[in-house]
Amino acid sequence: MSETTNKKRVMALSSLRRRAAAGDIDAQASLGRALALGELGKPDHVAAWVALSRAASAGHAAARSDLAHLEANISPEDQIAAEAALKDAEDPAVS
């Protein structure tokens, strides 16, 4: 991969993460899908599950579908870690 292409991917990922963290539901769904499929490097099923869960909880239909697919394919250990990460992120006492 060229250095220019890699820089563009890093910038795109950074922008997507910022938008998702700010509550952009479409960005959360896109980030979750990209992380699950490894489109941004190595697949990260835990982070994907968290992002897709947030988008699905907000009513994003594609995120619900992607989450269902991920849940069918994620290891039990990763699902436990993802549920804990999601709970920690939503618990203001943890922050």
N, C-alpha and C. Protein backbone atom coordinates (compact mmCIF):
# COMPACT_ATOMS: atom_id res chain seq x y z
N MET A 1 0.86 -1.16 0.00
CA MET A 1 0.00 0.00 0.00
C MET A 1 0.91 1.23 0.00
N SER A 2 0.58 2.20 -0.81
CA SER A 2 1.41 3.40 -0.89
C SER A 2 1.26 4.25 0.36
N GLU A 3 2.25 5.08 0.59
CA GLU A 3 2.21 5.96 1.77
C GLU A 3 1.02 6.92 1.69
N THR A 4 0.71 7.41 0.49
CA THR A 4 -0.43 8.32 0.32
C THR A 4 -1.74 7.62 0.64
N THR A 5 -1.89 6.40 0.16
CA THR A 5 -3.10 5.63 0.43
C THR A 5 -3.23 5.36 1.93
N ASN A 6 -2.14 5.01 2.57
CA ASN A 6 -2.17 4.75 4.01
C ASN A 6 -2.56 6.01 4.79
N LYS A 7 -2.01 7.17 4.41
CA LYS A 7 -2.36 8.42 5.09
C LYS A 7 -3.84 8.73 4.92
N LYS A 8 -4.37 8.48 3.73
CA LYS A 8 -5.80 8.72 3.49
C LYS A 8 -6.65 7.81 4.35
N ARG A 9 -6.24 6.55 4.51
CA ARG A 9 -7.00 5.62 5.34
C ARG A 9 -6.98 6.06 6.80
N VAL A 10 -5.81 6.49 7.27
CA VAL A 10 -5.68 6.94 8.65
C VAL A 10 -6.55 8.17 8.89
N MET A 11 -6.54 9.11 7.95
CA MET A 11 -7.36 10.32 8.09
C MET A 11 -8.84 9.98 8.05
N ALA A 12 -9.23 9.08 7.16
CA ALA A 12 -10.64 8.68 7.06
C ALA A 12 -11.08 7.98 8.35
N LEU A 13 -10.25 7.11 8.88
CA LEU A 13 -10.59 6.41 10.11
C LEU A 13 -10.71 7.40 11.26
N SER A 14 -9.80 8.34 11.33
CA SER A 14 -9.83 9.35 12.39
C SER A 14 -11.13 10.16 12.33
N SER A 15 -11.49 10.58 11.13
CA SER A 15 -12.72 11.34 10.94
C SER A 15 -13.95 10.51 11.31
N LEU A 16 -13.97 9.27 10.89
CA LEU A 16 -15.09 8.38 11.19
C LEU A 16 -15.21 8.16 12.70
N ARG A 17 -14.09 7.95 13.37
CA ARG A 17 -14.10 7.75 14.82
C ARG A 17 -14.61 9.01 15.55
N ARG A 18 -14.17 10.19 15.10
CA ARG A 18 -14.63 11.44 15.72
C ARG A 18 -16.13 11.61 15.57
N ARG A 19 -16.63 11.36 14.35
CA ARG A 19 -18.06 11.51 14.11
C ARG A 19 -18.86 10.49 14.92
N ALA A 20 -18.35 9.26 15.00
CA ALA A 20 -19.04 8.22 15.77
C ALA A 20 -19.06 8.59 17.25
N ALA A 21 -17.94 9.08 17.77
CA ALA A 21 -17.87 9.47 19.18
C ALA A 21 -18.79 10.64 19.49
N ALA A 22 -19.04 11.48 18.49
CA ALA A 22 -19.92 12.63 18.67
C ALA A 22 -21.40 12.24 18.57
N GLY A 23 -21.67 10.95 18.30
CA GLY A 23 -23.05 10.49 18.27
C GLY A 23 -23.65 10.34 16.89
N ASP A 24 -22.86 10.49 15.84
CA ASP A 24 -23.36 10.32 14.47
C ASP A 24 -23.66 8.83 14.26
N ILE A 25 -24.93 8.51 14.18
CA ILE A 25 -25.36 7.11 14.10
C ILE A 25 -24.88 6.44 12.82
N ASP A 26 -24.92 7.16 11.71
CA ASP A 26 -24.42 6.59 10.45
C ASP A 26 -22.93 6.30 10.55
N ALA A 27 -22.18 7.19 11.20
CA ALA A 27 -20.74 6.97 11.38
C ALA A 27 -20.49 5.78 12.29
N GLN A 28 -21.30 5.63 13.33
CA GLN A 28 -21.15 4.47 14.22
C GLN A 28 -21.37 3.18 13.44
N ALA A 29 -22.40 3.16 12.61
CA ALA A 29 -22.69 1.97 11.82
C ALA A 29 -21.57 1.69 10.82
N SER A 30 -21.10 2.73 10.15
CA SER A 30 -20.02 2.56 9.18
C SER A 30 -18.73 2.11 9.85
N LEU A 31 -18.42 2.70 10.98
CA LEU A 31 -17.22 2.32 11.72
C LEU A 31 -17.32 0.87 12.18
N GLY A 32 -18.44 0.49 12.72
CA GLY A 32 -18.63 -0.88 13.17
C GLY A 32 -18.46 -1.88 12.05
N ARG A 33 -19.06 -1.59 10.92
CA ARG A 33 -18.95 -2.50 9.76
C ARG A 33 -17.51 -2.59 9.28
N ALA A 34 -16.85 -1.44 9.17
CA ALA A 34 -15.46 -1.42 8.71
C ALA A 34 -14.54 -2.18 9.66
N LEU A 35 -14.76 -2.00 10.96
CA LEU A 35 -13.95 -2.71 11.95
C LEU A 35 -14.21 -4.21 11.90
N ALA A 36 -15.45 -4.59 11.74
CA ALA A 36 -15.81 -6.02 11.70
C ALA A 36 -15.21 -6.71 10.48
N LEU A 37 -15.21 -6.02 9.37
CA LEU A 37 -14.72 -6.62 8.12
C LEU A 37 -13.22 -6.48 7.93
N GLY A 38 -12.59 -5.69 8.78
CA GLY A 38 -11.15 -5.48 8.63
C GLY A 38 -10.80 -4.53 7.51
N GLU A 39 -11.74 -3.68 7.13
CA GLU A 39 -11.49 -2.74 6.05
C GLU A 39 -10.49 -1.65 6.44
N LEU A 40 -10.22 -1.53 7.72
CA LEU A 40 -9.31 -0.49 8.20
C LEU A 40 -8.05 -1.12 8.79
N GLY A 41 -7.79 -2.36 8.44
CA GLY A 41 -6.67 -3.10 9.00
C GLY A 41 -7.18 -4.42 9.54
N LYS A 42 -6.59 -4.87 10.62
CA LYS A 42 -7.00 -6.13 11.23
C LYS A 42 -8.41 -5.97 11.82
N PRO A 43 -9.30 -6.95 11.61
CA PRO A 43 -10.64 -6.86 12.20
C PRO A 43 -10.57 -6.70 13.72
N ASP A 44 -11.45 -5.87 14.24
CA ASP A 44 -11.55 -5.65 15.68
C ASP A 44 -13.01 -5.88 16.06
N HIS A 45 -13.32 -7.14 16.40
CA HIS A 45 -14.70 -7.50 16.65
C HIS A 45 -15.27 -6.87 17.91
N VAL A 46 -14.44 -6.61 18.89
CA VAL A 46 -14.93 -5.98 20.12
C VAL A 46 -15.36 -4.55 19.83
N ALA A 47 -14.49 -3.76 19.21
CA ALA A 47 -14.84 -2.37 18.88
C ALA A 47 -15.99 -2.32 17.88
N ALA A 48 -16.02 -3.26 16.95
CA ALA A 48 -17.12 -3.32 15.98
C ALA A 48 -18.44 -3.56 16.67
N TRP A 49 -18.45 -4.50 17.62
CA TRP A 49 -19.67 -4.83 18.35
C TRP A 49 -20.18 -3.61 19.12
N VAL A 50 -19.27 -2.86 19.73
CA VAL A 50 -19.66 -1.68 20.49
C VAL A 50 -20.28 -0.64 19.56
N ALA A 51 -19.60 -0.34 18.46
CA ALA A 51 -20.10 0.68 17.52
C ALA A 51 -21.44 0.26 16.92
N LEU A 52 -21.54 -0.98 16.49
CA LEU A 52 -22.79 -1.46 15.89
C LEU A 52 -23.92 -1.49 16.92
N SER A 53 -23.61 -1.84 18.16
CA SER A 53 -24.63 -1.85 19.22
C SER A 53 -25.20 -0.47 19.45
N ARG A 54 -24.32 0.53 19.47
CA ARG A 54 -24.79 1.90 19.68
C ARG A 54 -25.70 2.34 18.53
N ALA A 55 -25.28 2.06 17.31
CA ALA A 55 -26.08 2.46 16.15
C ALA A 55 -27.40 1.69 16.12
N ALA A 56 -27.34 0.40 16.40
CA ALA A 56 -28.56 -0.42 16.38
C ALA A 56 -29.54 0.04 17.46
N SER A 57 -29.01 0.38 18.63
CA SER A 57 -29.87 0.87 19.72
C SER A 57 -30.56 2.18 19.36
N ALA A 58 -29.93 2.94 18.47
CA ALA A 58 -30.51 4.21 18.03
C ALA A 58 -31.45 4.02 16.84
N GLY A 59 -31.64 2.77 16.41
CA GLY A 59 -32.60 2.49 15.35
C GLY A 59 -32.02 2.33 13.96
N HIS A 60 -30.73 2.23 13.82
CA HIS A 60 -30.11 2.09 12.50
C HIS A 60 -30.31 0.65 12.01
N ALA A 61 -31.12 0.47 10.98
CA ALA A 61 -31.50 -0.86 10.51
C ALA A 61 -30.32 -1.67 10.00
N ALA A 62 -29.44 -1.06 9.21
CA ALA A 62 -28.28 -1.79 8.69
C ALA A 62 -27.36 -2.22 9.83
N ALA A 63 -27.22 -1.38 10.85
CA ALA A 63 -26.39 -1.73 12.00
C ALA A 63 -26.98 -2.94 12.73
N ARG A 64 -28.31 -2.98 12.84
CA ARG A 64 -28.95 -4.15 13.47
C ARG A 64 -28.62 -5.42 12.70
N SER A 65 -28.69 -5.34 11.39
CA SER A 65 -28.38 -6.50 10.55
C SER A 65 -26.91 -6.90 10.69
N ASP A 66 -26.02 -5.91 10.63
CA ASP A 66 -24.58 -6.19 10.76
C ASP A 66 -24.27 -6.75 12.14
N LEU A 67 -24.93 -6.23 13.17
CA LEU A 67 -24.70 -6.71 14.53
C LEU A 67 -25.16 -8.16 14.67
N ALA A 68 -26.30 -8.49 14.09
CA ALA A 68 -26.79 -9.86 14.14
C ALA A 68 -25.79 -10.81 13.47
N HIS A 69 -25.24 -10.39 12.35
CA HIS A 69 -24.24 -11.21 11.66
C HIS A 69 -22.98 -11.35 12.52
N LEU A 70 -22.54 -10.24 13.11
CA LEU A 70 -21.35 -10.28 13.95
C LEU A 70 -21.58 -11.17 15.17
N GLU A 71 -22.74 -11.05 15.80
CA GLU A 71 -23.04 -11.86 16.97
C GLU A 71 -23.00 -13.35 16.66
N ALA A 72 -23.37 -13.71 15.44
CA ALA A 72 -23.34 -15.11 15.04
C ALA A 72 -21.92 -15.61 14.80
N ASN A 73 -20.98 -14.68 14.64
CA ASN A 73 -19.61 -15.06 14.27
C ASN A 73 -18.54 -14.65 15.28
N ILE A 74 -18.90 -13.92 16.29
CA ILE A 74 -17.93 -13.43 17.27
C ILE A 74 -17.68 -14.52 18.32
N SER A 75 -16.47 -14.59 18.81
CA SER A 75 -16.17 -15.58 19.85
C SER A 75 -16.88 -15.18 21.14
N PRO A 76 -17.21 -16.16 21.98
CA PRO A 76 -17.85 -15.83 23.26
C PRO A 76 -16.99 -14.88 24.10
N GLU A 77 -15.69 -15.04 24.06
CA GLU A 77 -14.80 -14.17 24.83
C GLU A 77 -14.88 -12.73 24.33
N ASP A 78 -14.87 -12.57 22.98
CA ASP A 78 -14.96 -11.23 22.41
C ASP A 78 -16.32 -10.59 22.71
N GLN A 79 -17.38 -11.38 22.71
CA GLN A 79 -18.70 -10.83 23.02
C GLN A 79 -18.76 -10.36 24.47
N ILE A 80 -18.19 -11.11 25.37
CA ILE A 80 -18.16 -10.70 26.78
C ILE A 80 -17.36 -9.41 26.91
N ALA A 81 -16.21 -9.35 26.25
CA ALA A 81 -15.38 -8.13 26.30
C ALA A 81 -16.12 -6.94 25.70
N ALA A 82 -16.85 -7.18 24.61
CA ALA A 82 -17.59 -6.09 23.95
C ALA A 82 -18.72 -5.59 24.84
N GLU A 83 -19.45 -6.50 25.47
CA GLU A 83 -20.53 -6.09 26.37
C GLU A 83 -19.99 -5.29 27.54
N ALA A 84 -18.84 -5.70 28.07
CA ALA A 84 -18.22 -4.96 29.17
C ALA A 84 -17.76 -3.58 28.71
N ALA A 85 -17.17 -3.51 27.51
CA ALA A 85 -16.71 -2.22 26.97
C ALA A 85 -17.89 -1.28 26.75
N LEU A 86 -18.99 -1.80 26.24
CA LEU A 86 -20.17 -0.99 26.01
C LEU A 86 -20.74 -0.49 27.34
N LYS A 87 -20.81 -1.36 28.34
CA LYS A 87 -21.33 -0.96 29.64
C LYS A 87 -20.42 0.09 30.27
N ASP A 88 -19.11 -0.10 30.19
CA ASP A 88 -18.16 0.88 30.75
C ASP A 88 -18.30 2.23 30.07
N ALA A 89 -18.49 2.22 28.76
CA ALA A 89 -18.61 3.47 28.00
C ALA A 89 -19.89 4.22 28.37
N GLU A 90 -20.92 3.49 28.76
CA GLU A 90 -22.20 4.12 29.09
C GLU A 90 -22.32 4.49 30.56
N ASP A 91 -21.40 4.01 31.39
CA ASP A 91 -21.47 4.25 32.84
C ASP A 91 -20.63 5.47 33.18
N PRO A 92 -21.27 6.60 33.53
CA PRO A 92 -20.51 7.81 33.83
C PRO A 92 -19.58 7.69 35.01
N ALA A 93 -19.83 6.74 35.90
CA ALA A 93 -18.96 6.56 37.06
C ALA A 93 -17.61 5.98 36.67
N VAL A 94 -17.55 5.29 35.50
CA VAL A 94 -16.32 4.68 35.04
C VAL A 94 -15.40 5.70 34.42
N SER A 95 -15.95 6.70 33.77
CA SER A 95 -15.15 7.69 33.05
C SER A 95 -14.32 8.55 33.95
